[in-house]
N, C-alpha and C. Protein backbone atom coordinates (compact mmCIF):
# COMPACT_ATOMS: atom_id res chain seq x y z
N UNK A 1 -41.22 90.70 -80.31
CA UNK A 1 -41.59 89.91 -80.94
C UNK A 1 -42.83 89.72 -80.70
N UNK A 2 -43.64 89.60 -81.61
CA UNK A 2 -45.07 89.54 -81.85
C UNK A 2 -45.82 88.13 -82.30
N UNK A 3 -46.20 87.49 -81.62
CA UNK A 3 -47.04 86.04 -81.81
C UNK A 3 -47.70 85.97 -83.18
N UNK A 4 -47.58 84.17 -83.46
CA UNK A 4 -48.28 84.04 -84.77
C UNK A 4 -49.13 83.39 -84.66
N UNK A 5 -50.11 83.10 -85.33
CA UNK A 5 -50.89 81.69 -85.11
C UNK A 5 -50.67 81.26 -85.98
N UNK A 6 -50.53 79.84 -86.05
CA UNK A 6 -49.70 78.96 -87.48
C UNK A 6 -51.28 78.79 -87.44
N UNK A 7 -51.06 77.40 -88.96
CA UNK A 7 -52.37 76.83 -89.54
C UNK A 7 -52.88 75.30 -88.98
N UNK A 8 -52.30 75.11 -87.28
CA UNK A 8 -52.33 74.20 -86.76
C UNK A 8 -53.91 74.70 -85.69
N UNK A 9 -54.51 76.34 -86.03
CA UNK A 9 -55.14 76.77 -84.92
C UNK A 9 -56.36 75.84 -85.49
N UNK A 10 -57.49 75.50 -84.57
CA UNK A 10 -58.51 74.46 -84.66
C UNK A 10 -60.13 75.98 -84.79
N UNK A 11 -59.68 76.47 -84.23
CA UNK A 11 -60.61 78.11 -84.11
C UNK A 11 -61.57 77.75 -83.33
N UNK A 12 -60.75 77.13 -82.10
CA UNK A 12 -61.56 77.09 -80.50
C UNK A 12 -61.94 78.23 -79.92
N UNK A 13 -61.51 79.28 -80.15
CA UNK A 13 -62.57 80.85 -79.92
C UNK A 13 -61.84 81.41 -78.72
N UNK A 14 -60.68 80.52 -77.87
CA UNK A 14 -60.22 80.67 -76.66
C UNK A 14 -59.26 81.77 -76.53
N UNK A 15 -58.52 81.92 -77.82
CA UNK A 15 -57.52 83.04 -77.60
C UNK A 15 -57.83 84.71 -77.34
N UNK A 16 -58.88 84.58 -78.86
CA UNK A 16 -58.98 86.25 -78.92
C UNK A 16 -59.80 86.70 -77.75
N UNK A 17 -60.55 86.37 -76.93
CA UNK A 17 -61.18 87.03 -75.52
C UNK A 17 -59.97 87.28 -74.45
N UNK A 18 -58.75 86.39 -74.71
CA UNK A 18 -57.49 86.72 -73.68
C UNK A 18 -56.44 88.05 -73.61
N UNK A 19 -56.90 88.27 -75.47
CA UNK A 19 -56.03 89.31 -75.55
C UNK A 19 -56.16 90.69 -75.00
N UNK A 20 -55.55 91.67 -74.07
CA UNK A 20 -55.49 92.20 -73.60
C UNK A 20 -55.30 93.52 -74.48
N UNK A 21 -54.49 93.53 -75.82
CA UNK A 21 -54.86 94.63 -76.10
C UNK A 21 -55.82 94.22 -77.95
N UNK A 22 -56.16 93.52 -77.64
CA UNK A 22 -57.19 93.21 -78.94
C UNK A 22 -56.48 92.77 -80.28
N UNK A 23 -55.35 91.94 -80.06
CA UNK A 23 -54.73 92.22 -81.37
C UNK A 23 -54.97 90.65 -82.28
N UNK A 24 -55.95 89.87 -81.52
CA UNK A 24 -56.34 88.49 -82.28
C UNK A 24 -57.56 88.96 -82.85
N UNK A 25 -57.85 88.34 -84.22
CA UNK A 25 -58.96 88.59 -84.83
C UNK A 25 -59.28 87.08 -85.99
N UNK A 26 -60.60 86.85 -86.14
CA UNK A 26 -60.93 86.10 -87.24
C UNK A 26 -60.23 86.23 -87.86
N UNK A 27 -59.62 85.39 -88.98
CA UNK A 27 -58.80 85.75 -90.27
C UNK A 27 -59.62 85.21 -91.32
N UNK A 28 -59.06 84.75 -92.56
CA UNK A 28 -60.04 84.26 -93.96
C UNK A 28 -60.37 82.78 -93.08
N UNK A 29 -59.47 82.46 -92.73
CA UNK A 29 -59.78 80.68 -92.39
C UNK A 29 -59.52 80.48 -90.66
N UNK A 30 -58.94 81.41 -90.07
CA UNK A 30 -57.94 81.10 -88.66
C UNK A 30 -57.97 82.37 -87.91
N UNK A 31 -58.01 82.18 -86.42
CA UNK A 31 -57.49 83.81 -86.26
C UNK A 31 -56.17 84.20 -86.48
N UNK A 32 -56.21 85.69 -86.04
CA UNK A 32 -54.83 85.98 -86.82
C UNK A 32 -54.21 86.96 -85.75
N UNK A 33 -53.03 87.56 -85.35
CA UNK A 33 -52.98 88.42 -84.65
C UNK A 33 -51.68 89.40 -85.26
N UNK A 34 -52.28 90.69 -84.67
CA UNK A 34 -52.10 91.94 -85.58
C UNK A 34 -50.66 92.10 -84.73
N UNK A 35 -49.71 92.15 -85.52
CA UNK A 35 -47.86 92.29 -84.79
C UNK A 35 -47.93 93.98 -84.37
N UNK A 36 -48.66 94.41 -85.15
CA UNK A 36 -48.58 95.95 -84.42
C UNK A 36 -49.42 96.48 -82.90
N UNK A 37 -50.64 95.38 -82.72
CA UNK A 37 -50.91 95.84 -81.59
C UNK A 37 -50.59 94.22 -80.70
N UNK A 38 -49.81 93.02 -80.99
CA UNK A 38 -49.38 92.10 -79.68
C UNK A 38 -48.02 92.48 -79.39
N UNK A 39 -48.25 92.21 -78.00
CA UNK A 39 -47.28 93.11 -77.14
C UNK A 39 -46.74 91.62 -76.20
N UNK A 40 -47.13 90.46 -76.49
CA UNK A 40 -46.74 89.70 -76.00
C UNK A 40 -47.81 89.26 -73.77
N UNK A 41 -48.29 90.35 -73.97
CA UNK A 41 -49.02 90.66 -72.95
C UNK A 41 -48.03 91.46 -71.99
N UNK A 42 -46.49 91.88 -72.71
CA UNK A 42 -45.79 92.60 -71.71
C UNK A 42 -46.72 93.70 -71.23
N UNK A 43 -46.91 94.16 -70.18
CA UNK A 43 -47.08 95.13 -69.50
C UNK A 43 -49.21 94.80 -68.77
N UNK A 44 -49.13 93.58 -69.47
CA UNK A 44 -50.62 93.26 -68.45
C UNK A 44 -50.42 92.13 -67.62
N UNK A 45 -49.41 91.07 -68.50
CA UNK A 45 -49.01 90.04 -67.77
C UNK A 45 -48.33 89.30 -67.43
N UNK A 46 -47.74 88.60 -67.11
CA UNK A 46 -45.87 88.00 -67.06
C UNK A 46 -46.07 86.92 -68.34
N UNK A 47 -47.19 86.09 -68.66
CA UNK A 47 -47.15 85.50 -69.75
C UNK A 47 -47.84 85.99 -70.96
N UNK A 48 -47.69 85.78 -72.62
CA UNK A 48 -48.69 85.68 -73.37
C UNK A 48 -50.25 84.67 -72.85
N UNK A 49 -51.31 85.13 -72.74
CA UNK A 49 -52.39 84.81 -72.43
C UNK A 49 -52.52 83.89 -73.40
N UNK A 50 -53.02 84.10 -74.59
CA UNK A 50 -53.23 83.43 -75.72
C UNK A 50 -52.13 82.09 -75.68
N UNK A 51 -51.24 82.22 -75.59
CA UNK A 51 -50.16 81.06 -75.70
C UNK A 51 -50.51 80.28 -74.36
N UNK A 52 -51.31 80.75 -73.22
CA UNK A 52 -51.23 80.10 -71.77
C UNK A 52 -52.58 78.87 -72.11
N UNK A 53 -53.41 79.66 -72.54
CA UNK A 53 -55.27 78.98 -73.03
C UNK A 53 -55.09 77.80 -74.36
N UNK A 54 -54.34 78.28 -75.15
CA UNK A 54 -54.30 77.31 -76.85
C UNK A 54 -54.00 75.99 -76.20
N UNK A 55 -55.41 75.21 -76.81
CA UNK A 55 -55.15 73.98 -76.34
C UNK A 55 -54.11 73.07 -77.62
N UNK A 56 -53.92 73.37 -78.48
CA UNK A 56 -53.01 72.96 -79.37
C UNK A 56 -51.26 73.29 -79.71
N UNK A 57 -50.97 74.39 -78.90
CA UNK A 57 -49.69 75.06 -78.68
C UNK A 57 -49.62 75.70 -80.33
N UNK A 58 -50.25 76.01 -80.95
CA UNK A 58 -49.62 77.21 -82.16
C UNK A 58 -49.71 78.33 -81.86
N UNK A 59 -49.19 78.82 -81.46
CA UNK A 59 -48.77 80.58 -80.92
C UNK A 59 -47.18 80.45 -80.57
N UNK A 60 -46.40 80.65 -81.77
CA UNK A 60 -45.35 80.93 -81.57
C UNK A 60 -44.88 82.27 -82.19
N UNK A 61 -43.58 82.83 -81.43
CA UNK A 61 -42.98 83.91 -81.83
C UNK A 61 -42.94 84.22 -83.10
N UNK A 62 -42.99 85.51 -83.99
CA UNK A 62 -43.44 85.83 -85.11
C UNK A 62 -41.71 86.02 -85.74
N UNK A 63 -41.16 85.15 -86.37
CA UNK A 63 -39.65 85.76 -86.79
C UNK A 63 -39.58 86.92 -87.30
N UNK A 64 -40.59 87.29 -87.89
CA UNK A 64 -41.09 88.65 -88.72
C UNK A 64 -40.86 89.72 -88.06
N UNK A 65 -41.30 89.71 -86.86
CA UNK A 65 -41.87 90.90 -85.59
C UNK A 65 -41.12 91.08 -84.49
N UNK A 66 -39.10 90.80 -84.65
CA UNK A 66 -38.37 90.67 -83.51
C UNK A 66 -38.33 92.31 -82.95
N UNK A 67 -38.71 91.61 -82.14
CA UNK A 67 -39.04 93.26 -80.57
C UNK A 67 -37.93 92.81 -79.45
N UNK A 68 -37.47 93.53 -78.88
CA UNK A 68 -37.01 93.33 -77.63
C UNK A 68 -38.00 93.77 -76.55
N UNK A 69 -37.26 93.16 -75.40
CA UNK A 69 -38.82 93.46 -73.85
C UNK A 69 -38.98 94.81 -74.53
N UNK A 70 -38.16 95.63 -74.39
CA UNK A 70 -38.05 97.17 -74.56
C UNK A 70 -39.12 97.93 -75.59
N UNK A 71 -39.20 97.52 -76.70
CA UNK A 71 -40.11 97.77 -77.61
C UNK A 71 -41.43 97.47 -77.23
N UNK A 72 -41.98 96.03 -76.99
CA UNK A 72 -43.10 95.95 -75.84
C UNK A 72 -43.51 96.45 -75.37
N UNK A 73 -42.87 96.90 -74.41
CA UNK A 73 -43.45 97.52 -73.09
C UNK A 73 -43.63 99.41 -73.72
N UNK A 74 -42.71 99.62 -74.99
CA UNK A 74 -43.31 100.72 -75.50
C UNK A 74 -44.51 100.79 -76.51
N UNK A 75 -44.62 99.41 -77.23
CA UNK A 75 -45.90 99.60 -77.91
C UNK A 75 -46.96 99.71 -76.54
N UNK A 76 -47.02 98.51 -75.32
CA UNK A 76 -48.34 98.56 -74.35
C UNK A 76 -48.53 99.82 -73.96
N UNK A 77 -47.43 100.69 -73.79
CA UNK A 77 -47.66 102.40 -73.30
C UNK A 77 -48.73 103.01 -74.36
N UNK A 78 -47.97 102.96 -75.67
CA UNK A 78 -48.50 103.52 -76.89
C UNK A 78 -50.22 102.81 -77.07
N UNK A 79 -49.99 101.61 -76.83
CA UNK A 79 -51.59 101.44 -76.88
C UNK A 79 -52.39 101.73 -75.87
N UNK A 80 -51.90 101.70 -74.81
CA UNK A 80 -52.90 102.33 -73.64
C UNK A 80 -52.97 103.63 -73.15
N UNK A 81 -52.02 104.33 -74.22
CA UNK A 81 -52.55 105.58 -74.04
C UNK A 81 -51.67 106.14 -72.89
N UNK A 82 -50.78 105.53 -72.87
CA UNK A 82 -49.72 106.13 -71.10
C UNK A 82 -48.85 106.93 -71.93
N UNK A 83 -48.41 106.86 -73.22
CA UNK A 83 -47.54 107.90 -74.18
C UNK A 83 -48.06 108.26 -75.42
N UNK A 84 -47.62 109.59 -75.67
CA UNK A 84 -48.11 110.33 -76.54
C UNK A 84 -47.50 109.89 -77.82
């Protein structure tokens, strides 16, 4: 499941550089997460790094992009070029 940044985001800029998949970028008003790049840090870290550093706890799982752990790992392999 990809993560989602909610309207509580204060644009503190700490999440974007922590994302190993470059899935976080500035949206029109707040930061956004690209669900096609977000692996919840599977393959990189034990915990989603954006969630770990967020000072306002505004990054829940995105219910519109439910993915099992295996799918997140497959996405990680694809994004890192380990699978053609």
